Amino acid sequence: MSDLKARFDAAVANSKKLAERPDNSTLLKIYGLYKQATAGDNSEKKPGFGDMVGRAKWDAWNGFKGTSADDAMQQYIDLIESLS
């Protein structure tokens, strides 16, 4: 396991133990970076207007399209560290 992957896994664990809940836009950024780091570019169908939460999550993930998994992991780590 690479050092980056180990640090990413630690950041994922730390994200569940933050002192206070981040605002919604930060939560969406965390979600988008996590999905990009673990699943790559978003290829799922965009949810309809009735699913506002699903749509926001889809948009957050799609915003990182083209970002490499390693870059997404590093951005995720940096974001979680800035919130800790």
PDB file of N, CA and C in Angstrom:
ATOM      1  N   MET A   1       0.850  -1.187   0.000  1.00  0.00           N
ATOM      2  CA  MET A   1       0.000   0.000   0.000  1.00  0.00           C
ATOM      3  C   MET A   1       0.892   1.245   0.000  1.00  0.00           C
ATOM      4  N   SER A   2       0.571   2.177  -0.865  1.00  0.00           N
ATOM      5  CA  SER A   2       1.377   3.390  -0.956  1.00  0.00           C
ATOM      6  C   SER A   2       1.146   4.284   0.261  1.00  0.00           C
ATOM      7  N   ASP A   3       2.114   5.164   0.476  1.00  0.00           N
ATOM      8  CA  ASP A   3       2.015   6.117   1.578  1.00  0.00           C
ATOM      9  C   ASP A   3       0.791   7.026   1.395  1.00  0.00           C
ATOM     10  N   LEU A   4       0.542   7.443   0.157  1.00  0.00           N
ATOM     11  CA  LEU A   4      -0.614   8.300  -0.126  1.00  0.00           C
ATOM     12  C   LEU A   4      -1.913   7.588   0.221  1.00  0.00           C
ATOM     13  N   LYS A   5      -2.036   6.333  -0.162  1.00  0.00           N
ATOM     14  CA  LYS A   5      -3.245   5.549   0.133  1.00  0.00           C
ATOM     15  C   LYS A   5      -3.430   5.400   1.638  1.00  0.00           C
ATOM     16  N   ALA A   6      -2.345   5.162   2.360  1.00  0.00           N
ATOM     17  CA  ALA A   6      -2.429   5.033   3.823  1.00  0.00           C
ATOM     18  C   ALA A   6      -2.877   6.351   4.450  1.00  0.00           C
ATOM     19  N   ARG A   7      -2.334   7.470   3.964  1.00  0.00           N
ATOM     20  CA  ARG A   7      -2.729   8.782   4.487  1.00  0.00           C
ATOM     21  C   ARG A   7      -4.179   9.094   4.122  1.00  0.00           C
ATOM     22  N   PHE A   8      -4.604   8.676   2.926  1.00  0.00           N
ATOM     23  CA  PHE A   8      -5.996   8.868   2.503  1.00  0.00           C
ATOM     24  C   PHE A   8      -6.933   8.080   3.416  1.00  0.00           C
ATOM     25  N   ASP A   9      -6.602   6.812   3.671  1.00  0.00           N
ATOM     26  CA  ASP A   9      -7.429   5.978   4.556  1.00  0.00           C
ATOM     27  C   ASP A   9      -7.523   6.587   5.953  1.00  0.00           C
ATOM     28  N   ALA A  10      -6.410   7.141   6.442  1.00  0.00           N
ATOM     29  CA  ALA A  10      -6.417   7.789   7.760  1.00  0.00           C
ATOM     30  C   ALA A  10      -7.307   9.033   7.734  1.00  0.00           C
ATOM     31  N   ALA A  11      -7.246   9.793   6.630  1.00  0.00           N
ATOM     32  CA  ALA A  11      -8.081  10.998   6.513  1.00  0.00           C
ATOM     33  C   ALA A  11      -9.563  10.627   6.461  1.00  0.00           C
ATOM     34  N   VAL A  12      -9.889   9.518   5.775  1.00  0.00           N
ATOM     35  CA  VAL A  12     -11.281   9.051   5.725  1.00  0.00           C
ATOM     36  C   VAL A  12     -11.759   8.735   7.144  1.00  0.00           C
ATOM     37  N   ALA A  13     -10.919   8.047   7.916  1.00  0.00           N
ATOM     38  CA  ALA A  13     -11.278   7.722   9.304  1.00  0.00           C
ATOM     39  C   ALA A  13     -11.434   9.008  10.124  1.00  0.00           C
ATOM     40  N   ASN A  14     -10.529   9.947   9.928  1.00  0.00           N
ATOM     41  CA  ASN A  14     -10.580  11.216  10.673  1.00  0.00           C
ATOM     42  C   ASN A  14     -11.795  12.051  10.287  1.00  0.00           C
ATOM     43  N   SER A  15     -12.268  11.903   9.051  1.00  0.00           N
ATOM     44  CA  SER A  15     -13.417  12.697   8.606  1.00  0.00           C
ATOM     45  C   SER A  15     -14.673  12.360   9.407  1.00  0.00           C
ATOM     46  N   LYS A  16     -14.700  11.162   9.967  1.00  0.00           N
ATOM     47  CA  LYS A  16     -15.858  10.735  10.758  1.00  0.00           C
ATOM     48  C   LYS A  16     -15.764  11.218  12.201  1.00  0.00           C
ATOM     49  N   LYS A  17     -14.603  11.808  12.572  1.00  0.00           N
ATOM     50  CA  LYS A  17     -14.384  12.225  13.956  1.00  0.00           C
ATOM     51  C   LYS A  17     -14.112  13.723  14.087  1.00  0.00           C
ATOM     52  N   LEU A  18     -14.574  14.506  13.114  1.00  0.00           N
ATOM     53  CA  LEU A  18     -14.342  15.950  13.177  1.00  0.00           C
ATOM     54  C   LEU A  18     -15.078  16.542  14.377  1.00  0.00           C
ATOM     55  N   ALA A  19     -14.482  17.562  14.977  1.00  0.00           N
ATOM     56  CA  ALA A  19     -15.062  18.192  16.172  1.00  0.00           C
ATOM     57  C   ALA A  19     -16.451  18.760  15.883  1.00  0.00           C
ATOM     58  N   GLU A  20     -16.598  19.407  14.736  1.00  0.00           N
ATOM     59  CA  GLU A  20     -17.924  19.915  14.371  1.00  0.00           C
ATOM     60  C   GLU A  20     -18.234  19.581  12.925  1.00  0.00           C
ATOM     61  N   ARG A  21     -19.520  19.498  12.635  1.00  0.00           N
ATOM     62  CA  ARG A  21     -19.976  19.121  11.292  1.00  0.00           C
ATOM     63  C   ARG A  21     -19.706  20.263  10.326  1.00  0.00           C
ATOM     64  N   PRO A  22     -19.017  19.986   9.212  1.00  0.00           N
ATOM     65  CA  PRO A  22     -18.766  21.039   8.216  1.00  0.00           C
ATOM     66  C   PRO A  22     -20.067  21.496   7.560  1.00  0.00           C
ATOM     67  N   ASP A  23     -20.024  22.684   6.939  1.00  0.00           N
ATOM     68  CA  ASP A  23     -21.205  23.169   6.230  1.00  0.00           C
ATOM     69  C   ASP A  23     -21.460  22.298   4.997  1.00  0.00           C
ATOM     70  N   ASN A  24     -22.642  22.465   4.419  1.00  0.00           N
ATOM     71  CA  ASN A  24     -23.053  21.601   3.305  1.00  0.00           C
ATOM     72  C   ASN A  24     -22.118  21.669   2.099  1.00  0.00           C
ATOM     73  N   SER A  25     -21.626  22.854   1.759  1.00  0.00           N
ATOM     74  CA  SER A  25     -20.745  22.951   0.595  1.00  0.00           C
ATOM     75  C   SER A  25     -19.438  22.207   0.840  1.00  0.00           C
ATOM     76  N   THR A  26     -18.940  22.242   2.077  1.00  0.00           N
ATOM     77  CA  THR A  26     -17.719  21.508   2.415  1.00  0.00           C
ATOM     78  C   THR A  26     -17.988  20.003   2.397  1.00  0.00           C
ATOM     79  N   LEU A  27     -19.145  19.600   2.916  1.00  0.00           N
ATOM     80  CA  LEU A  27     -19.507  18.178   2.888  1.00  0.00           C
ATOM     81  C   LEU A  27     -19.594  17.669   1.456  1.00  0.00           C
ATOM     82  N   LEU A  28     -20.145  18.483   0.557  1.00  0.00           N
ATOM     83  CA  LEU A  28     -20.233  18.079  -0.846  1.00  0.00           C
ATOM     84  C   LEU A  28     -18.846  17.975  -1.479  1.00  0.00           C
ATOM     85  N   LYS A  29     -17.941  18.872  -1.097  1.00  0.00           N
ATOM     86  CA  LYS A  29     -16.569  18.803  -1.615  1.00  0.00           C
ATOM     87  C   LYS A  29     -15.883  17.532  -1.108  1.00  0.00           C
ATOM     88  N   ILE A  30     -16.076  17.212   0.170  1.00  0.00           N
ATOM     89  CA  ILE A  30     -15.518  15.980   0.744  1.00  0.00           C
ATOM     90  C   ILE A  30     -16.054  14.777  -0.034  1.00  0.00           C
ATOM     91  N   TYR A  31     -17.358  14.754  -0.269  1.00  0.00           N
ATOM     92  CA  TYR A  31     -17.982  13.654  -0.998  1.00  0.00           C
ATOM     93  C   TYR A  31     -17.415  13.542  -2.412  1.00  0.00           C
ATOM     94  N   GLY A  32     -17.355  14.670  -3.116  1.00  0.00           N
ATOM     95  CA  GLY A  32     -16.871  14.666  -4.490  1.00  0.00           C
ATOM     96  C   GLY A  32     -15.436  14.178  -4.597  1.00  0.00           C
ATOM     97  N   LEU A  33     -14.580  14.654  -3.697  1.00  0.00           N
ATOM     98  CA  LEU A  33     -13.180  14.215  -3.711  1.00  0.00           C
ATOM     99  C   LEU A  33     -13.066  12.731  -3.383  1.00  0.00           C
ATOM    100  N   TYR A  34     -13.866  12.265  -2.411  1.00  0.00           N
ATOM    101  CA  TYR A  34     -13.832  10.844  -2.049  1.00  0.00           C
ATOM    102  C   TYR A  34     -14.229   9.975  -3.244  1.00  0.00           C
ATOM    103  N   LYS A  35     -15.329  10.340  -3.890  1.00  0.00           N
ATOM    104  CA  LYS A  35     -15.797   9.546  -5.035  1.00  0.00           C
ATOM    105  C   LYS A  35     -14.775   9.577  -6.180  1.00  0.00           C
ATOM    106  N   GLN A  36     -14.181  10.743  -6.434  1.00  0.00           N
ATOM    107  CA  GLN A  36     -13.198  10.852  -7.508  1.00  0.00           C
ATOM    108  C   GLN A  36     -11.962  10.010  -7.189  1.00  0.00           C
ATOM    109  N   ALA A  37     -11.551  10.013  -5.912  1.00  0.00           N
ATOM    110  CA  ALA A  37     -10.367   9.257  -5.497  1.00  0.00           C
ATOM    111  C   ALA A  37     -10.610   7.750  -5.550  1.00  0.00           C
ATOM    112  N   THR A  38     -11.831   7.333  -5.244  1.00  0.00           N
ATOM    113  CA  THR A  38     -12.098   5.894  -5.141  1.00  0.00           C
ATOM    114  C   THR A  38     -12.745   5.289  -6.378  1.00  0.00           C
ATOM    115  N   ALA A  39     -13.503   6.094  -7.150  1.00  0.00           N
ATOM    116  CA  ALA A  39     -14.246   5.549  -8.291  1.00  0.00           C
ATOM    117  C   ALA A  39     -13.862   6.173  -9.628  1.00  0.00           C
ATOM    118  N   GLY A  40     -13.095   7.273  -9.603  1.00  0.00           N
ATOM    119  CA  GLY A  40     -12.721   7.922 -10.853  1.00  0.00           C
ATOM    120  C   GLY A  40     -13.822   8.848 -11.355  1.00  0.00           C
ATOM    121  N   ASP A  41     -13.731   9.200 -12.640  1.00  0.00           N
ATOM    122  CA  ASP A  41     -14.699  10.138 -13.225  1.00  0.00           C
ATOM    123  C   ASP A  41     -16.130   9.617 -13.117  1.00  0.00           C
ATOM    124  N   ASN A  42     -17.029  10.550 -12.860  1.00  0.00           N
ATOM    125  CA  ASN A  42     -18.457  10.243 -12.728  1.00  0.00           C
ATOM    126  C   ASN A  42     -19.021   9.828 -14.090  1.00  0.00           C
ATOM    127  N   SER A  43     -19.544   8.616 -14.156  1.00  0.00           N
ATOM    128  CA  SER A  43     -20.182   8.158 -15.399  1.00  0.00           C
ATOM    129  C   SER A  43     -21.644   7.798 -15.162  1.00  0.00           C
ATOM    130  N   GLU A  44     -22.149   8.139 -13.972  1.00  0.00           N
ATOM    131  CA  GLU A  44     -23.545   7.841 -13.642  1.00  0.00           C
ATOM    132  C   GLU A  44     -24.473   8.873 -14.264  1.00  0.00           C
ATOM    133  N   LYS A  45     -25.724   8.478 -14.453  1.00  0.00           N
ATOM    134  CA  LYS A  45     -26.742   9.373 -15.003  1.00  0.00           C
ATOM    135  C   LYS A  45     -27.096  10.426 -13.948  1.00  0.00           C
ATOM    136  N   LYS A  46     -27.245  11.668 -14.392  1.00  0.00           N
ATOM    137  CA  LYS A  46     -27.585  12.756 -13.468  1.00  0.00           C
ATOM    138  C   LYS A  46     -28.996  12.553 -12.932  1.00  0.00           C
ATOM    139  N   PRO A  47     -29.169  12.609 -11.591  1.00  0.00           N
ATOM    140  CA  PRO A  47     -30.512  12.449 -11.005  1.00  0.00           C
ATOM    141  C   PRO A  47     -31.453  13.564 -11.461  1.00  0.00           C
ATOM    142  N   GLY A  48     -32.733  13.283 -11.437  1.00  0.00           N
ATOM    143  CA  GLY A  48     -33.744  14.250 -11.848  1.00  0.00           C
ATOM    144  C   GLY A  48     -33.932  15.363 -10.833  1.00  0.00           C
ATOM    145  N   PHE A  49     -34.763  16.338 -11.191  1.00  0.00           N
ATOM    146  CA  PHE A  49     -34.994  17.496 -10.325  1.00  0.00           C
ATOM    147  C   PHE A  49     -35.619  17.125  -8.987  1.00  0.00           C
ATOM    148  N   GLY A  50     -36.339  16.014  -8.935  1.00  0.00           N
ATOM    149  CA  GLY A  50     -36.977  15.603  -7.692  1.00  0.00           C
ATOM    150  C   GLY A  50     -36.004  15.132  -6.632  1.00  0.00           C
ATOM    151  N   ASP A  51     -34.819  14.732  -7.039  1.00  0.00           N
ATOM    152  CA  ASP A  51     -33.799  14.225  -6.111  1.00  0.00           C
ATOM    153  C   ASP A  51     -32.732  15.301  -5.921  1.00  0.00           C
ATOM    154  N   MET A  52     -33.047  16.302  -5.100  1.00  0.00           N
ATOM    155  CA  MET A  52     -32.139  17.437  -4.945  1.00  0.00           C
ATOM    156  C   MET A  52     -30.832  17.048  -4.269  1.00  0.00           C
ATOM    157  N   VAL A  53     -30.880  16.151  -3.287  1.00  0.00           N
ATOM    158  CA  VAL A  53     -29.656  15.716  -2.604  1.00  0.00           C
ATOM    159  C   VAL A  53     -28.782  14.919  -3.572  1.00  0.00           C
ATOM    160  N   GLY A  54     -29.380  13.968  -4.280  1.00  0.00           N
ATOM    161  CA  GLY A  54     -28.643  13.162  -5.243  1.00  0.00           C
ATOM    162  C   GLY A  54     -28.032  14.020  -6.340  1.00  0.00           C
ATOM    163  N   ARG A  55     -28.769  15.034  -6.757  1.00  0.00           N
ATOM    164  CA  ARG A  55     -28.289  15.947  -7.802  1.00  0.00           C
ATOM    165  C   ARG A  55     -27.093  16.759  -7.306  1.00  0.00           C
ATOM    166  N   ALA A  56     -27.177  17.251  -6.076  1.00  0.00           N
ATOM    167  CA  ALA A  56     -26.069  18.031  -5.501  1.00  0.00           C
ATOM    168  C   ALA A  56     -24.817  17.160  -5.366  1.00  0.00           C
ATOM    169  N   LYS A  57     -25.004  15.919  -4.939  1.00  0.00           N
ATOM    170  CA  LYS A  57     -23.864  15.007  -4.812  1.00  0.00           C
ATOM    171  C   LYS A  57     -23.268  14.683  -6.181  1.00  0.00           C
ATOM    172  N   TRP A  58     -24.139  14.474  -7.179  1.00  0.00           N
ATOM    173  CA  TRP A  58     -23.674  14.188  -8.533  1.00  0.00           C
ATOM    174  C   TRP A  58     -22.851  15.362  -9.065  1.00  0.00           C
ATOM    175  N   ASP A  59     -23.377  16.584  -8.859  1.00  0.00           N
ATOM    176  CA  ASP A  59     -22.668  17.789  -9.314  1.00  0.00           C
ATOM    177  C   ASP A  59     -21.325  17.945  -8.612  1.00  0.00           C
ATOM    178  N   ALA A  60     -21.285  17.649  -7.309  1.00  0.00           N
ATOM    179  CA  ALA A  60     -20.033  17.769  -6.549  1.00  0.00           C
ATOM    180  C   ALA A  60     -18.986  16.799  -7.091  1.00  0.00           C
ATOM    181  N   TRP A  61     -19.390  15.568  -7.346  1.00  0.00           N
ATOM    182  CA  TRP A  61     -18.469  14.561  -7.876  1.00  0.00           C
ATOM    183  C   TRP A  61     -18.043  14.934  -9.294  1.00  0.00           C
ATOM    184  N   ASN A  62     -19.004  15.340 -10.112  1.00  0.00           N
ATOM    185  CA  ASN A  62     -18.718  15.668 -11.507  1.00  0.00           C
ATOM    186  C   ASN A  62     -17.787  16.879 -11.631  1.00  0.00           C
ATOM    187  N   GLY A  63     -17.772  17.721 -10.616  1.00  0.00           N
ATOM    188  CA  GLY A  63     -16.902  18.888 -10.606  1.00  0.00           C
ATOM    189  C   GLY A  63     -15.425  18.532 -10.581  1.00  0.00           C
ATOM    190  N   PHE A  64     -15.105  17.317 -10.197  1.00  0.00           N
ATOM    191  CA  PHE A  64     -13.712  16.870 -10.135  1.00  0.00           C
ATOM    192  C   PHE A  64     -13.328  15.998 -11.329  1.00  0.00           C
ATOM    193  N   LYS A  65     -14.193  15.968 -12.344  1.00  0.00           N
ATOM    194  CA  LYS A  65     -13.936  15.157 -13.542  1.00  0.00           C
ATOM    195  C   LYS A  65     -12.561  15.509 -14.122  1.00  0.00           C
ATOM    196  N   GLY A  66     -11.785  14.497 -14.454  1.00  0.00           N
ATOM    197  CA  GLY A  66     -10.457  14.706 -15.022  1.00  0.00           C
ATOM    198  C   GLY A  66      -9.347  14.771 -13.985  1.00  0.00           C
ATOM    199  N   THR A  67      -9.719  14.846 -12.700  1.00  0.00           N
ATOM    200  CA  THR A  67      -8.723  14.853 -11.631  1.00  0.00           C
ATOM    201  C   THR A  67      -8.251  13.426 -11.409  1.00  0.00           C
ATOM    202  N   SER A  68      -6.945  13.226 -11.330  1.00  0.00           N
ATOM    203  CA  SER A  68      -6.432  11.871 -11.112  1.00  0.00           C
ATOM    204  C   SER A  68      -6.779  11.408  -9.698  1.00  0.00           C
ATOM    205  N   ALA A  69      -6.782  10.097  -9.507  1.00  0.00           N
ATOM    206  CA  ALA A  69      -7.087   9.534  -8.190  1.00  0.00           C
ATOM    207  C   ALA A  69      -6.092  10.045  -7.149  1.00  0.00           C
ATOM    208  N   ASP A  70      -4.810  10.091  -7.511  1.00  0.00           N
ATOM    209  CA  ASP A  70      -3.794  10.567  -6.560  1.00  0.00           C
ATOM    210  C   ASP A  70      -4.017  12.026  -6.181  1.00  0.00           C
ATOM    211  N   ASP A  71      -4.332  12.878  -7.174  1.00  0.00           N
ATOM    212  CA  ASP A  71      -4.600  14.289  -6.886  1.00  0.00           C
ATOM    213  C   ASP A  71      -5.834  14.438  -6.000  1.00  0.00           C
ATOM    214  N   ALA A  72      -6.878  13.654  -6.286  1.00  0.00           N
ATOM    215  CA  ALA A  72      -8.101  13.719  -5.480  1.00  0.00           C
ATOM    216  C   ALA A  72      -7.819  13.266  -4.046  1.00  0.00           C
ATOM    217  N   MET A  73      -7.008  12.212  -3.903  1.00  0.00           N
ATOM    218  CA  MET A  73      -6.646  11.750  -2.550  1.00  0.00           C
ATOM    219  C   MET A  73      -5.905  12.843  -1.792  1.00  0.00           C
ATOM    220  N   GLN A  74      -4.938  13.494  -2.460  1.00  0.00           N
ATOM    221  CA  GLN A  74      -4.157  14.542  -1.795  1.00  0.00           C
ATOM    222  C   GLN A  74      -5.038  15.725  -1.411  1.00  0.00           C
ATOM    223  N   GLN A  75      -5.949  16.127  -2.294  1.00  0.00           N
ATOM    224  CA  GLN A  75      -6.865  17.233  -1.980  1.00  0.00           C
ATOM    225  C   GLN A  75      -7.782  16.857  -0.819  1.00  0.00           C
ATOM    226  N   TYR A  76      -8.235  15.589  -0.795  1.00  0.00           N
ATOM    227  CA  TYR A  76      -9.087  15.109   0.291  1.00  0.00           C
ATOM    228  C   TYR A  76      -8.328  15.187   1.616  1.00  0.00           C
ATOM    229  N   ILE A  77      -7.092  14.682   1.613  1.00  0.00           N
ATOM    230  CA  ILE A  77      -6.253  14.700   2.828  1.00  0.00           C
ATOM    231  C   ILE A  77      -6.078  16.142   3.311  1.00  0.00           C
ATOM    232  N   ASP A  78      -5.729  17.041   2.391  1.00  0.00           N
ATOM    233  CA  ASP A  78      -5.516  18.452   2.756  1.00  0.00           C
ATOM    234  C   ASP A  78      -6.777  19.081   3.330  1.00  0.00           C
ATOM    235  N   LEU A  79      -7.928  18.762   2.735  1.00  0.00           N
ATOM    236  CA  LEU A  79      -9.187  19.329   3.210  1.00  0.00           C
ATOM    237  C   LEU A  79      -9.528  18.828   4.613  1.00  0.00           C
ATOM    238  N   ILE A  80      -9.398  17.533   4.835  1.00  0.00           N
ATOM    239  CA  ILE A  80      -9.717  16.978   6.157  1.00  0.00           C
ATOM    240  C   ILE A  80      -8.758  17.530   7.223  1.00  0.00           C
ATOM    241  N   GLU A  81      -7.472  17.640   6.850  1.00  0.00           N
ATOM    242  CA  GLU A  81      -6.490  18.204   7.808  1.00  0.00           C
ATOM    243  C   GLU A  81      -6.837  19.656   8.141  1.00  0.00           C
ATOM    244  N   SER A  82      -7.322  20.417   7.162  1.00  0.00           N
ATOM    245  CA  SER A  82      -7.670  21.814   7.426  1.00  0.00           C
ATOM    246  C   SER A  82      -8.899  21.935   8.337  1.00  0.00           C
ATOM    247  N   LEU A  83      -9.728  20.898   8.371  1.00  0.00           N
ATOM    248  CA  LEU A  83     -10.932  20.911   9.209  1.00  0.00           C
ATOM    249  C   LEU A  83     -10.686  20.338  10.599  1.00  0.00           C
ATOM    250  N   SER A  84      -9.584  19.640  10.769  1.00  0.00           N
ATOM    251  CA  SER A  84      -9.313  18.965  12.056  1.00  0.00           C
ATOM    252  C   SER A  84      -8.776  19.937  13.096  1.00  0.00           C
TER     253      SER A  84
END
